[in-house]
Amino acid sequence: MAAGADMIFPEGLAGEDEFAEFRTAVPDVPLLANMTEFGKTPLIPASRFAELGYALVIFPVTMMRAALKTLDDGYAELLATGTQAGLMDRLRTRKELYERIDYAGYDARETRWSEPIDG
């Protein structure tokens, strides 16, 4: 920490006991838990890490892996059936997309910023 680190990231711990031991070994330092799948660490909930005294839990590739699996499933469906009909219950609608990205707010800002400036 004296060298300027914000927190410590213990790598490759194999379970809650090891995370607890590490916390005990460095009691006054913020700790980060890296929850990546298919490694040494079992899947431990973020709430449990909070109980163990960890300041931050990251899931660095979870959503990428989920998205890639969804792409695989979608392409398999298209290849097998030639249509997206079997995917419709898993697709985000245009309305849902626009709400998620606040399209109305974006459109309002674009309109405001594209108005000529009176000089």
PDB file of N, CA and C in Angstrom:
ATOM      1  N   MET A   1       0.831  -1.182   0.000  1.00  0.00           N
ATOM      2  CA  MET A   1       0.000   0.000   0.000  1.00  0.00           C
ATOM      3  C   MET A   1       0.878   1.248   0.000  1.00  0.00           C
ATOM      4  N   ALA A   2       2.017   1.156   0.642  1.00  0.00           N
ATOM      5  CA  ALA A   2       2.922   2.303   0.694  1.00  0.00           C
ATOM      6  C   ALA A   2       3.407   2.694  -0.697  1.00  0.00           C
ATOM      7  N   ALA A   3       3.411   1.743  -1.614  1.00  0.00           N
ATOM      8  CA  ALA A   3       3.856   2.023  -2.979  1.00  0.00           C
ATOM      9  C   ALA A   3       2.753   2.649  -3.825  1.00  0.00           C
ATOM     10  N   GLY A   4       1.554   2.796  -3.275  1.00  0.00           N
ATOM     11  CA  GLY A   4       0.479   3.467  -3.989  1.00  0.00           C
ATOM     12  C   GLY A   4      -0.675   2.586  -4.434  1.00  0.00           C
ATOM     13  N   ALA A   5      -0.697   1.339  -4.028  1.00  0.00           N
ATOM     14  CA  ALA A   5      -1.812   0.461  -4.402  1.00  0.00           C
ATOM     15  C   ALA A   5      -3.082   0.888  -3.673  1.00  0.00           C
ATOM     16  N   ASP A   6      -4.205   0.724  -4.324  1.00  0.00           N
ATOM     17  CA  ASP A   6      -5.491   1.027  -3.704  1.00  0.00           C
ATOM     18  C   ASP A   6      -6.032  -0.147  -2.904  1.00  0.00           C
ATOM     19  N   MET A   7      -5.708  -1.341  -3.352  1.00  0.00           N
ATOM     20  CA  MET A   7      -6.151  -2.548  -2.660  1.00  0.00           C
ATOM     21  C   MET A   7      -5.297  -3.720  -3.099  1.00  0.00           C
ATOM     22  N   ILE A   8      -5.465  -4.835  -2.395  1.00  0.00           N
ATOM     23  CA  ILE A   8      -4.722  -6.047  -2.720  1.00  0.00           C
ATOM     24  C   ILE A   8      -5.670  -7.047  -3.371  1.00  0.00           C
ATOM     25  N   PHE A   9      -5.163  -7.722  -4.383  1.00  0.00           N
ATOM     26  CA  PHE A   9      -5.906  -8.715  -5.148  1.00  0.00           C
ATOM     27  C   PHE A   9      -5.241 -10.073  -4.934  1.00  0.00           C
ATOM     28  N   PRO A  10      -5.715 -10.864  -3.958  1.00  0.00           N
ATOM     29  CA  PRO A  10      -5.136 -12.195  -3.766  1.00  0.00           C
ATOM     30  C   PRO A  10      -5.573 -13.118  -4.907  1.00  0.00           C
ATOM     31  N   GLU A  11      -4.633 -13.736  -5.556  1.00  0.00           N
ATOM     32  CA  GLU A  11      -4.898 -14.535  -6.752  1.00  0.00           C
ATOM     33  C   GLU A  11      -4.994 -16.022  -6.432  1.00  0.00           C
ATOM     34  N   GLY A  12      -5.976 -16.680  -7.027  1.00  0.00           N
ATOM     35  CA  GLY A  12      -6.061 -18.128  -7.008  1.00  0.00           C
ATOM     36  C   GLY A  12      -6.366 -18.773  -5.677  1.00  0.00           C
ATOM     37  N   LEU A  13      -7.077 -18.083  -4.800  1.00  0.00           N
ATOM     38  CA  LEU A  13      -7.435 -18.710  -3.530  1.00  0.00           C
ATOM     39  C   LEU A  13      -8.520 -19.757  -3.778  1.00  0.00           C
ATOM     40  N   ALA A  14      -8.446 -20.851  -3.019  1.00  0.00           N
ATOM     41  CA  ALA A  14      -9.259 -22.025  -3.332  1.00  0.00           C
ATOM     42  C   ALA A  14     -10.542 -22.161  -2.519  1.00  0.00           C
ATOM     43  N   GLY A  15     -10.901 -21.175  -1.737  1.00  0.00           N
ATOM     44  CA  GLY A  15     -12.154 -21.292  -0.997  1.00  0.00           C
ATOM     45  C   GLY A  15     -12.306 -20.217   0.052  1.00  0.00           C
ATOM     46  N   GLU A  16     -13.467 -20.211   0.692  1.00  0.00           N
ATOM     47  CA  GLU A  16     -13.773 -19.199   1.699  1.00  0.00           C
ATOM     48  C   GLU A  16     -12.753 -19.176   2.822  1.00  0.00           C
ATOM     49  N   ASP A  17     -12.286 -20.337   3.236  1.00  0.00           N
ATOM     50  CA  ASP A  17     -11.300 -20.389   4.323  1.00  0.00           C
ATOM     51  C   ASP A  17     -10.033 -19.629   3.951  1.00  0.00           C
ATOM     52  N   GLU A  18      -9.564 -19.799   2.729  1.00  0.00           N
ATOM     53  CA  GLU A  18      -8.352 -19.096   2.302  1.00  0.00           C
ATOM     54  C   GLU A  18      -8.593 -17.595   2.200  1.00  0.00           C
ATOM     55  N   PHE A  19      -9.775 -17.195   1.740  1.00  0.00           N
ATOM     56  CA  PHE A  19     -10.094 -15.765   1.689  1.00  0.00           C
ATOM     57  C   PHE A  19     -10.151 -15.186   3.102  1.00  0.00           C
ATOM     58  N   ALA A  20     -10.710 -15.925   4.042  1.00  0.00           N
ATOM     59  CA  ALA A  20     -10.767 -15.475   5.437  1.00  0.00           C
ATOM     60  C   ALA A  20      -9.367 -15.386   6.035  1.00  0.00           C
ATOM     61  N   GLU A  21      -8.523 -16.375   5.770  1.00  0.00           N
ATOM     62  CA  GLU A  21      -7.140 -16.350   6.264  1.00  0.00           C
ATOM     63  C   GLU A  21      -6.378 -15.149   5.711  1.00  0.00           C
ATOM     64  N   PHE A  22      -6.574 -14.868   4.435  1.00  0.00           N
ATOM     65  CA  PHE A  22      -5.890 -13.729   3.822  1.00  0.00           C
ATOM     66  C   PHE A  22      -6.353 -12.431   4.479  1.00  0.00           C
ATOM     67  N   ARG A  23      -7.651 -12.317   4.722  1.00  0.00           N
ATOM     68  CA  ARG A  23      -8.200 -11.124   5.380  1.00  0.00           C
ATOM     69  C   ARG A  23      -7.562 -10.944   6.750  1.00  0.00           C
ATOM     70  N   THR A  24      -7.412 -12.017   7.489  1.00  0.00           N
ATOM     71  CA  THR A  24      -6.797 -11.967   8.815  1.00  0.00           C
ATOM     72  C   THR A  24      -5.337 -11.548   8.724  1.00  0.00           C
ATOM     73  N   ALA A  25      -4.644 -12.015   7.701  1.00  0.00           N
ATOM     74  CA  ALA A  25      -3.216 -11.711   7.540  1.00  0.00           C
ATOM     75  C   ALA A  25      -2.966 -10.245   7.212  1.00  0.00           C
ATOM     76  N   VAL A  26      -3.905  -9.598   6.535  1.00  0.00           N
ATOM     77  CA  VAL A  26      -3.761  -8.175   6.188  1.00  0.00           C
ATOM     78  C   VAL A  26      -5.039  -7.437   6.603  1.00  0.00           C
ATOM     79  N   PRO A  27      -5.178  -7.164   7.896  1.00  0.00           N
ATOM     80  CA  PRO A  27      -6.447  -6.672   8.432  1.00  0.00           C
ATOM     81  C   PRO A  27      -6.833  -5.247   8.049  1.00  0.00           C
ATOM     82  N   ASP A  28      -5.887  -4.391   7.760  1.00  0.00           N
ATOM     83  CA  ASP A  28      -6.215  -2.981   7.553  1.00  0.00           C
ATOM     84  C   ASP A  28      -6.055  -2.534   6.108  1.00  0.00           C
ATOM     85  N   VAL A  29      -6.200  -3.451   5.180  1.00  0.00           N
ATOM     86  CA  VAL A  29      -5.991  -3.158   3.766  1.00  0.00           C
ATOM     87  C   VAL A  29      -7.249  -3.544   2.985  1.00  0.00           C
ATOM     88  N   PRO A  30      -7.729  -2.685   2.084  1.00  0.00           N
ATOM     89  CA  PRO A  30      -8.861  -3.081   1.244  1.00  0.00           C
ATOM     90  C   PRO A  30      -8.473  -4.265   0.348  1.00  0.00           C
ATOM     91  N   LEU A  31      -9.381  -5.228   0.243  1.00  0.00           N
ATOM     92  CA  LEU A  31      -9.122  -6.424  -0.557  1.00  0.00           C
ATOM     93  C   LEU A  31     -10.131  -6.552  -1.692  1.00  0.00           C
ATOM     94  N   LEU A  32      -9.654  -7.084  -2.814  1.00  0.00           N
ATOM     95  CA  LEU A  32     -10.465  -7.325  -3.996  1.00  0.00           C
ATOM     96  C   LEU A  32     -10.553  -8.829  -4.239  1.00  0.00           C
ATOM     97  N   ALA A  33     -11.747  -9.318  -4.510  1.00  0.00           N
ATOM     98  CA  ALA A  33     -11.941 -10.725  -4.874  1.00  0.00           C
ATOM     99  C   ALA A  33     -12.301 -10.804  -6.351  1.00  0.00           C
ATOM    100  N   ASN A  34     -11.594 -11.644  -7.068  1.00  0.00           N
ATOM    101  CA  ASN A  34     -11.802 -11.830  -8.500  1.00  0.00           C
ATOM    102  C   ASN A  34     -12.608 -13.103  -8.720  1.00  0.00           C
ATOM    103  N   MET A  35     -13.857 -12.955  -9.113  1.00  0.00           N
ATOM    104  CA  MET A  35     -14.716 -14.118  -9.317  1.00  0.00           C
ATOM    105  C   MET A  35     -14.825 -14.433 -10.805  1.00  0.00           C
ATOM    106  N   THR A  36     -13.853 -15.178 -11.285  1.00  0.00           N
ATOM    107  CA  THR A  36     -13.920 -15.658 -12.657  1.00  0.00           C
ATOM    108  C   THR A  36     -14.289 -17.135 -12.635  1.00  0.00           C
ATOM    109  N   GLU A  37     -14.962 -17.563 -13.641  1.00  0.00           N
ATOM    110  CA  GLU A  37     -15.445 -18.932 -13.700  1.00  0.00           C
ATOM    111  C   GLU A  37     -14.326 -19.880 -14.153  1.00  0.00           C
ATOM    112  N   PHE A  38     -14.468 -21.137 -13.771  1.00  0.00           N
ATOM    113  CA  PHE A  38     -13.612 -22.214 -14.259  1.00  0.00           C
ATOM    114  C   PHE A  38     -12.181 -22.138 -13.736  1.00  0.00           C
ATOM    115  N   GLY A  39     -11.984 -21.453 -12.610  1.00  0.00           N
ATOM    116  CA  GLY A  39     -10.662 -21.376 -11.995  1.00  0.00           C
ATOM    117  C   GLY A  39     -10.622 -22.155 -10.689  1.00  0.00           C
ATOM    118  N   LYS A  40      -9.677 -21.799  -9.842  1.00  0.00           N
ATOM    119  CA  LYS A  40      -9.499 -22.474  -8.549  1.00  0.00           C
ATOM    120  C   LYS A  40     -10.570 -22.095  -7.530  1.00  0.00           C
ATOM    121  N   THR A  41     -11.080 -20.878  -7.643  1.00  0.00           N
ATOM    122  CA  THR A  41     -12.004 -20.355  -6.640  1.00  0.00           C
ATOM    123  C   THR A  41     -13.427 -20.832  -6.911  1.00  0.00           C
ATOM    124  N   PRO A  42     -14.099 -21.404  -5.907  1.00  0.00           N
ATOM    125  CA  PRO A  42     -15.505 -21.769  -6.103  1.00  0.00           C
ATOM    126  C   PRO A  42     -16.351 -20.504  -6.242  1.00  0.00           C
ATOM    127  N   LEU A  43     -17.553 -20.653  -6.745  1.00  0.00           N
ATOM    128  CA  LEU A  43     -18.441 -19.510  -6.941  1.00  0.00           C
ATOM    129  C   LEU A  43     -19.007 -19.076  -5.593  1.00  0.00           C
ATOM    130  N   ILE A  44     -18.503 -17.956  -5.112  1.00  0.00           N
ATOM    131  CA  ILE A  44     -18.873 -17.414  -3.802  1.00  0.00           C
ATOM    132  C   ILE A  44     -19.665 -16.130  -4.041  1.00  0.00           C
ATOM    133  N   PRO A  45     -20.832 -15.969  -3.413  1.00  0.00           N
ATOM    134  CA  PRO A  45     -21.623 -14.751  -3.613  1.00  0.00           C
ATOM    135  C   PRO A  45     -20.910 -13.492  -3.100  1.00  0.00           C
ATOM    136  N   ALA A  46     -21.172 -12.382  -3.761  1.00  0.00           N
ATOM    137  CA  ALA A  46     -20.589 -11.099  -3.351  1.00  0.00           C
ATOM    138  C   ALA A  46     -20.948 -10.775  -1.903  1.00  0.00           C
ATOM    139  N   SER A  47     -22.164 -11.126  -1.491  1.00  0.00           N
ATOM    140  CA  SER A  47     -22.570 -10.854  -0.105  1.00  0.00           C
ATOM    141  C   SER A  47     -21.683 -11.595   0.892  1.00  0.00           C
ATOM    142  N   ARG A  48     -21.231 -12.771   0.524  1.00  0.00           N
ATOM    143  CA  ARG A  48     -20.334 -13.526   1.414  1.00  0.00           C
ATOM    144  C   ARG A  48     -18.982 -12.845   1.496  1.00  0.00           C
ATOM    145  N   PHE A  49     -18.493 -12.323   0.376  1.00  0.00           N
ATOM    146  CA  PHE A  49     -17.229 -11.587   0.415  1.00  0.00           C
ATOM    147  C   PHE A  49     -17.343 -10.356   1.309  1.00  0.00           C
ATOM    148  N   ALA A  50     -18.488  -9.691   1.286  1.00  0.00           N
ATOM    149  CA  ALA A  50     -18.692  -8.547   2.180  1.00  0.00           C
ATOM    150  C   ALA A  50     -18.590  -9.001   3.634  1.00  0.00           C
ATOM    151  N   GLU A  51     -19.193 -10.133   3.948  1.00  0.00           N
ATOM    152  CA  GLU A  51     -19.100 -10.678   5.309  1.00  0.00           C
ATOM    153  C   GLU A  51     -17.662 -11.014   5.685  1.00  0.00           C
ATOM    154  N   LEU A  52     -16.873 -11.438   4.704  1.00  0.00           N
ATOM    155  CA  LEU A  52     -15.469 -11.776   4.948  1.00  0.00           C
ATOM    156  C   LEU A  52     -14.575 -10.539   5.014  1.00  0.00           C
ATOM    157  N   GLY A  53     -15.141  -9.367   4.722  1.00  0.00           N
ATOM    158  CA  GLY A  53     -14.376  -8.131   4.826  1.00  0.00           C
ATOM    159  C   GLY A  53     -13.702  -7.676   3.544  1.00  0.00           C
ATOM    160  N   TYR A  54     -14.160  -8.163   2.407  1.00  0.00           N
ATOM    161  CA  TYR A  54     -13.594  -7.741   1.124  1.00  0.00           C
ATOM    162  C   TYR A  54     -14.321  -6.491   0.636  1.00  0.00           C
ATOM    163  N   ALA A  55     -13.556  -5.540   0.112  1.00  0.00           N
ATOM    164  CA  ALA A  55     -14.105  -4.250  -0.283  1.00  0.00           C
ATOM    165  C   ALA A  55     -14.734  -4.272  -1.672  1.00  0.00           C
ATOM    166  N   LEU A  56     -14.259  -5.160  -2.538  1.00  0.00           N
ATOM    167  CA  LEU A  56     -14.714  -5.161  -3.925  1.00  0.00           C
ATOM    168  C   LEU A  56     -14.672  -6.577  -4.470  1.00  0.00           C
ATOM    169  N   VAL A  57     -15.712  -6.934  -5.217  1.00  0.00           N
ATOM    170  CA  VAL A  57     -15.747  -8.211  -5.930  1.00  0.00           C
ATOM    171  C   VAL A  57     -15.948  -7.886  -7.399  1.00  0.00           C
ATOM    172  N   ILE A  58     -15.107  -8.461  -8.250  1.00  0.00           N
ATOM    173  CA  ILE A  58     -15.262  -8.247  -9.686  1.00  0.00           C
ATOM    174  C   ILE A  58     -15.622  -9.566 -10.366  1.00  0.00           C
ATOM    175  N   PHE A  59     -16.354  -9.447 -11.454  1.00  0.00           N
ATOM    176  CA  PHE A  59     -16.749 -10.571 -12.297  1.00  0.00           C
ATOM    177  C   PHE A  59     -16.293 -10.216 -13.716  1.00  0.00           C
ATOM    178  N   PRO A  60     -14.982 -10.297 -13.985  1.00  0.00           N
ATOM    179  CA  PRO A  60     -14.407  -9.675 -15.174  1.00  0.00           C
ATOM    180  C   PRO A  60     -14.840 -10.240 -16.520  1.00  0.00           C
ATOM    181  N   VAL A  61     -15.199 -11.495 -16.602  1.00  0.00           N
ATOM    182  CA  VAL A  61     -15.566 -12.050 -17.909  1.00  0.00           C
ATOM    183  C   VAL A  61     -16.914 -12.770 -17.901  1.00  0.00           C
ATOM    184  N   THR A  62     -17.641 -12.703 -16.811  1.00  0.00           N
ATOM    185  CA  THR A  62     -18.907 -13.423 -16.696  1.00  0.00           C
ATOM    186  C   THR A  62     -19.898 -13.010 -17.779  1.00  0.00           C
ATOM    187  N   MET A  63     -20.118 -11.729 -17.939  1.00  0.00           N
ATOM    188  CA  MET A  63     -21.108 -11.274 -18.915  1.00  0.00           C
ATOM    189  C   MET A  63     -20.637 -11.525 -20.343  1.00  0.00           C
ATOM    190  N   MET A  64     -19.335 -11.448 -20.590  1.00  0.00           N
ATOM    191  CA  MET A  64     -18.834 -11.773 -21.920  1.00  0.00           C
ATOM    192  C   MET A  64     -19.098 -13.246 -22.222  1.00  0.00           C
ATOM    193  N   ARG A  65     -18.837 -14.110 -21.261  1.00  0.00           N
ATOM    194  CA  ARG A  65     -19.090 -15.538 -21.465  1.00  0.00           C
ATOM    195  C   ARG A  65     -20.575 -15.804 -21.692  1.00  0.00           C
ATOM    196  N   ALA A  66     -21.425 -15.133 -20.936  1.00  0.00           N
ATOM    197  CA  ALA A  66     -22.869 -15.304 -21.111  1.00  0.00           C
ATOM    198  C   ALA A  66     -23.304 -14.820 -22.496  1.00  0.00           C
ATOM    199  N   ALA A  67     -22.775 -13.676 -22.920  1.00  0.00           N
ATOM    200  CA  ALA A  67     -23.125 -13.136 -24.238  1.00  0.00           C
ATOM    201  C   ALA A  67     -22.648 -14.063 -25.352  1.00  0.00           C
ATOM    202  N   LEU A  68     -21.441 -14.595 -25.232  1.00  0.00           N
ATOM    203  CA  LEU A  68     -20.922 -15.498 -26.258  1.00  0.00           C
ATOM    204  C   LEU A  68     -21.746 -16.782 -26.337  1.00  0.00           C
ATOM    205  N   LYS A  69     -22.184 -17.288 -25.190  1.00  0.00           N
ATOM    206  CA  LYS A  69     -23.047 -18.477 -25.188  1.00  0.00           C
ATOM    207  C   LYS A  69     -24.371 -18.162 -25.867  1.00  0.00           C
ATOM    208  N   THR A  70     -24.906 -16.978 -25.617  1.00  0.00           N
ATOM    209  CA  THR A  70     -26.149 -16.562 -26.264  1.00  0.00           C
ATOM    210  C   THR A  70     -25.962 -16.461 -27.773  1.00  0.00           C
ATOM    211  N   LEU A  71     -24.828 -15.915 -28.211  1.00  0.00           N
ATOM    212  CA  LEU A  71     -24.535 -15.864 -29.647  1.00  0.00           C
ATOM    213  C   LEU A  71     -24.480 -17.268 -30.239  1.00  0.00           C
ATOM    214  N   ASP A  72     -23.780 -18.168 -29.568  1.00  0.00           N
ATOM    215  CA  ASP A  72     -23.709 -19.557 -30.043  1.00  0.00           C
ATOM    216  C   ASP A  72     -25.110 -20.152 -30.199  1.00  0.00           C
ATOM    217  N   ASP A  73     -25.946 -19.974 -29.180  1.00  0.00           N
ATOM    218  CA  ASP A  73     -27.305 -20.522 -29.215  1.00  0.00           C
ATOM    219  C   ASP A  73     -28.121 -19.893 -30.344  1.00  0.00           C
ATOM    220  N   GLY A  74     -27.975 -18.591 -30.523  1.00  0.00           N
ATOM    221  CA  GLY A  74     -28.711 -17.895 -31.578  1.00  0.00           C
ATOM    222  C   GLY A  74     -28.297 -18.351 -32.966  1.00  0.00           C
ATOM    223  N   TYR A  75     -27.000 -18.447 -33.197  1.00  0.00           N
ATOM    224  CA  TYR A  75     -26.527 -18.913 -34.506  1.00  0.00           C
ATOM    225  C   TYR A  75     -26.938 -20.364 -34.754  1.00  0.00           C
ATOM    226  N   ALA A  76     -26.905 -21.195 -33.725  1.00  0.00           N
ATOM    227  CA  ALA A  76     -27.330 -22.592 -33.875  1.00  0.00           C
ATOM    228  C   ALA A  76     -28.804 -22.661 -34.273  1.00  0.00           C
ATOM    229  N   GLU A  77     -29.622 -21.827 -33.646  1.00  0.00           N
ATOM    230  CA  GLU A  77     -31.050 -21.781 -33.986  1.00  0.00           C
ATOM    231  C   GLU A  77     -31.250 -21.348 -35.435  1.00  0.00           C
ATOM    232  N   LEU A  78     -30.550 -20.292 -35.857  1.00  0.00           N
ATOM    233  CA  LEU A  78     -30.671 -19.825 -37.240  1.00  0.00           C
ATOM    234  C   LEU A  78     -30.201 -20.882 -38.230  1.00  0.00           C
ATOM    235  N   LEU A  79     -29.109 -21.542 -37.922  1.00  0.00           N
ATOM    236  CA  LEU A  79     -28.585 -22.580 -38.806  1.00  0.00           C
ATOM    237  C   LEU A  79     -29.558 -23.761 -38.901  1.00  0.00           C
ATOM    238  N   ALA A  80     -30.129 -24.138 -37.767  1.00  0.00           N
ATOM    239  CA  ALA A  80     -31.012 -25.303 -37.735  1.00  0.00           C
ATOM    240  C   ALA A  80     -32.371 -25.039 -38.377  1.00  0.00           C
ATOM    241  N   THR A  81     -32.905 -23.829 -38.184  1.00  0.00           N
ATOM    242  CA  THR A  81     -34.285 -23.570 -38.608  1.00  0.00           C
ATOM    243  C   THR A  81     -34.409 -22.567 -39.746  1.00  0.00           C
ATOM    244  N   GLY A  82     -33.380 -21.758 -39.946  1.00  0.00           N
ATOM    245  CA  GLY A  82     -33.454 -20.736 -40.981  1.00  0.00           C
ATOM    246  C   GLY A  82     -34.298 -19.537 -40.600  1.00  0.00           C
ATOM    247  N   THR A  83     -34.669 -19.431 -39.336  1.00  0.00           N
ATOM    248  CA  THR A  83     -35.486 -18.307 -38.871  1.00  0.00           C
ATOM    249  C   THR A  83     -35.168 -17.991 -37.412  1.00  0.00           C
ATOM    250  N   GLN A  84     -35.503 -16.781 -37.019  1.00  0.00           N
ATOM    251  CA  GLN A  84     -35.307 -16.358 -35.634  1.00  0.00           C
ATOM    252  C   GLN A  84     -36.547 -16.605 -34.773  1.00  0.00           C
ATOM    253  N   ALA A  85     -37.546 -17.288 -35.319  1.00  0.00           N
ATOM    254  CA  ALA A  85     -38.808 -17.500 -34.598  1.00  0.00           C
ATOM    255  C   ALA A  85     -38.593 -18.148 -33.230  1.00  0.00           C
ATOM    256  N   GLY A  86     -37.681 -19.084 -33.123  1.00  0.00           N
ATOM    257  CA  GLY A  86     -37.436 -19.752 -31.852  1.00  0.00           C
ATOM    258  C   GLY A  86     -36.658 -18.921 -30.855  1.00  0.00           C
ATOM    259  N   LEU A  87     -36.233 -17.747 -31.270  1.00  0.00           N
ATOM    260  CA  LEU A  87     -35.457 -16.859 -30.393  1.00  0.00           C
ATOM    261  C   LEU A  87     -36.280 -15.695 -29.855  1.00  0.00           C
ATOM    262  N   MET A  88     -37.488 -15.516 -30.349  1.00  0.00           N
ATOM    263  CA  MET A  88     -38.247 -14.300 -30.065  1.00  0.00           C
ATOM    264  C   MET A  88     -38.439 -14.031 -28.578  1.00  0.00           C
ATOM    265  N   ASP A  89     -38.597 -15.074 -27.771  1.00  0.00           N
ATOM    266  CA  ASP A  89     -38.795 -14.855 -26.336  1.00  0.00           C
ATOM    267  C   ASP A  89     -37.505 -14.449 -25.635  1.00  0.00           C
ATOM    268  N   ARG A  90     -36.381 -14.518 -26.335  1.00  0.00           N
ATOM    269  CA  ARG A  90     -35.091 -14.141 -25.744  1.00  0.00           C
ATOM    270  C   ARG A  90     -34.530 -12.852 -26.324  1.00  0.00           C
ATOM    271  N   LEU A  91     -35.268 -12.210 -27.215  1.00  0.00           N
ATOM    272  CA  LEU A  91     -34.776 -10.991 -27.852  1.00  0.00           C
ATOM    273  C   LEU A  91     -35.297  -9.750 -27.138  1.00  0.00           C
ATOM    274  N   ARG A  92     -34.454  -8.763 -27.026  1.00  0.00           N
ATOM    275  CA  ARG A  92     -34.864  -7.474 -26.466  1.00  0.00           C
ATOM    276  C   ARG A  92     -35.634  -6.725 -27.550  1.00  0.00           C
ATOM    277  N   THR A  93     -36.786  -6.202 -27.195  1.00  0.00           N
ATOM    278  CA  THR A  93     -37.576  -5.438 -28.159  1.00  0.00           C
ATOM    279  C   THR A  93     -36.943  -4.068 -28.382  1.00  0.00           C
ATOM    280  N   ARG A  94     -37.368  -3.414 -29.458  1.00  0.00           N
ATOM    281  CA  ARG A  94     -36.877  -2.061 -29.723  1.00  0.00           C
ATOM    282  C   ARG A  94     -37.244  -1.129 -28.568  1.00  0.00           C
ATOM    283  N   LYS A  95     -38.477  -1.261 -28.059  1.00  0.00           N
ATOM    284  CA  LYS A  95     -38.911  -0.422 -26.929  1.00  0.00           C
ATOM    285  C   LYS A  95     -37.995  -0.631 -25.721  1.00  0.00           C
ATOM    286  N   GLU A  96     -37.690  -1.893 -25.399  1.00  0.00           N
ATOM    287  CA  GLU A  96     -36.804  -2.186 -24.268  1.00  0.00           C
ATOM    288  C   GLU A  96     -35.405  -1.615 -24.497  1.00  0.00           C
ATOM    289  N   LEU A  97     -34.901  -1.742 -25.714  1.00  0.00           N
ATOM    290  CA  LEU A  97     -33.583  -1.195 -26.036  1.00  0.00           C
ATOM    291  C   LEU A  97     -33.570   0.318 -25.852  1.00  0.00           C
ATOM    292  N   TYR A  98     -34.563   0.997 -26.410  1.00  0.00           N
ATOM    293  CA  TYR A  98     -34.607   2.455 -26.313  1.00  0.00           C
ATOM    294  C   TYR A  98     -34.719   2.917 -24.863  1.00  0.00           C
ATOM    295  N   GLU A  99     -35.482   2.185 -24.057  1.00  0.00           N
ATOM    296  CA  GLU A  99     -35.565   2.527 -22.637  1.00  0.00           C
ATOM    297  C   GLU A  99     -34.219   2.327 -21.957  1.00  0.00           C
ATOM    298  N   ARG A 100     -33.544   1.229 -22.265  1.00  0.00           N
ATOM    299  CA  ARG A 100     -32.254   0.911 -21.635  1.00  0.00           C
ATOM    300  C   ARG A 100     -31.206   1.980 -21.938  1.00  0.00           C
ATOM    301  N   ILE A 101     -31.163   2.453 -23.173  1.00  0.00           N
ATOM    302  CA  ILE A 101     -30.124   3.419 -23.559  1.00  0.00           C
ATOM    303  C   ILE A 101     -30.604   4.865 -23.460  1.00  0.00           C
ATOM    304  N   ASP A 102     -31.804   5.076 -22.937  1.00  0.00           N
ATOM    305  CA  ASP A 102     -32.399   6.411 -22.827  1.00  0.00           C
ATOM    306  C   ASP A 102     -32.356   7.129 -24.177  1.00  0.00           C
ATOM    307  N   TYR A 103     -32.915   6.469 -25.172  1.00  0.00           N
ATOM    308  CA  TYR A 103     -32.905   7.018 -26.525  1.00  0.00           C
ATOM    309  C   TYR A 103     -33.602   8.371 -26.594  1.00  0.00           C
ATOM    310  N   ALA A 104     -34.692   8.540 -25.861  1.00  0.00           N
ATOM    311  CA  ALA A 104     -35.412   9.821 -25.885  1.00  0.00           C
ATOM    312  C   ALA A 104     -34.510  10.947 -25.383  1.00  0.00           C
ATOM    313  N   GLY A 105     -33.746  10.693 -24.326  1.00  0.00           N
ATOM    314  CA  GLY A 105     -32.814  11.698 -23.819  1.00  0.00           C
ATOM    315  C   GLY A 105     -31.707  11.990 -24.815  1.00  0.00           C
ATOM    316  N   TYR A 106     -31.181  10.940 -25.445  1.00  0.00           N
ATOM    317  CA  TYR A 106     -30.149  11.116 -26.471  1.00  0.00           C
ATOM    318  C   TYR A 106     -30.688  11.953 -27.623  1.00  0.00           C
ATOM    319  N   ASP A 107     -31.894  11.629 -28.084  1.00  0.00           N
ATOM    320  CA  ASP A 107     -32.503  12.349 -29.197  1.00  0.00           C
ATOM    321  C   ASP A 107     -32.722  13.817 -28.839  1.00  0.00           C
ATOM    322  N   ALA A 108     -33.159  14.079 -27.607  1.00  0.00           N
ATOM    323  CA  ALA A 108     -33.372  15.464 -27.169  1.00  0.00           C
ATOM    324  C   ALA A 108     -32.053  16.233 -27.144  1.00  0.00           C
ATOM    325  N   ARG A 109     -30.990  15.603 -26.660  1.00  0.00           N
ATOM    326  CA  ARG A 109     -29.679  16.273 -26.637  1.00  0.00           C
ATOM    327  C   ARG A 109     -29.176  16.528 -28.052  1.00  0.00           C
ATOM    328  N   GLU A 110     -29.349  15.565 -28.938  1.00  0.00           N
ATOM    329  CA  GLU A 110     -28.895  15.739 -30.317  1.00  0.00           C
ATOM    330  C   GLU A 110     -29.632  16.899 -30.975  1.00  0.00           C
ATOM    331  N   THR A 111     -30.938  16.985 -30.731  1.00  0.00           N
ATOM    332  CA  THR A 111     -31.727  18.075 -31.293  1.00  0.00           C
ATOM    333  C   THR A 111     -31.255  19.415 -30.737  1.00  0.00           C
ATOM    334  N   ARG A 112     -31.043  19.467 -29.429  1.00  0.00           N
ATOM    335  CA  ARG A 112     -30.603  20.712 -28.795  1.00  0.00           C
ATOM    336  C   ARG A 112     -29.237  21.135 -29.319  1.00  0.00           C
ATOM    337  N   TRP A 113     -28.313  20.188 -29.436  1.00  0.00           N
ATOM    338  CA  TRP A 113     -26.950  20.520 -29.846  1.00  0.00           C
ATOM    339  C   TRP A 113     -26.829  20.818 -31.341  1.00  0.00           C
ATOM    340  N   SER A 114     -27.812  20.393 -32.113  1.00  0.00           N
ATOM    341  CA  SER A 114     -27.722  20.637 -33.550  1.00  0.00           C
ATOM    342  C   SER A 114     -28.370  21.952 -33.962  1.00  0.00           C
ATOM    343  N   GLU A 115     -28.964  22.645 -33.003  1.00  0.00           N
ATOM    344  CA  GLU A 115     -29.563  23.943 -33.318  1.00  0.00           C
ATOM    345  C   GLU A 115     -28.466  24.964 -33.591  1.00  0.00           C
ATOM    346  N   PRO A 116     -28.697  25.855 -34.567  1.00  0.00           N
ATOM    347  CA  PRO A 116     -27.681  26.879 -34.865  1.00  0.00           C
ATOM    348  C   PRO A 116     -27.471  27.815 -33.669  1.00  0.00           C
ATOM    349  N   ILE A 117     -26.263  28.243 -33.509  1.00  0.00           N
ATOM    350  CA  ILE A 117     -25.935  29.193 -32.442  1.00  0.00           C
ATOM    351  C   ILE A 117     -26.056  30.592 -33.017  1.00  0.00           C
ATOM    352  N   ASP A 118     -26.885  31.408 -32.373  1.00  0.00           N
ATOM    353  CA  ASP A 118     -27.027  32.795 -32.821  1.00  0.00           C
ATOM    354  C   ASP A 118     -25.804  33.573 -32.397  1.00  0.00           C
ATOM    355  N   GLY A 119     -25.248  34.279 -33.313  1.00  0.00           N
ATOM    356  CA  GLY A 119     -24.008  34.939 -33.009  1.00  0.00           C
ATOM    357  C   GLY A 119     -24.096  36.386 -32.963  1.00  0.00           C
TER     358      GLY A 119
END
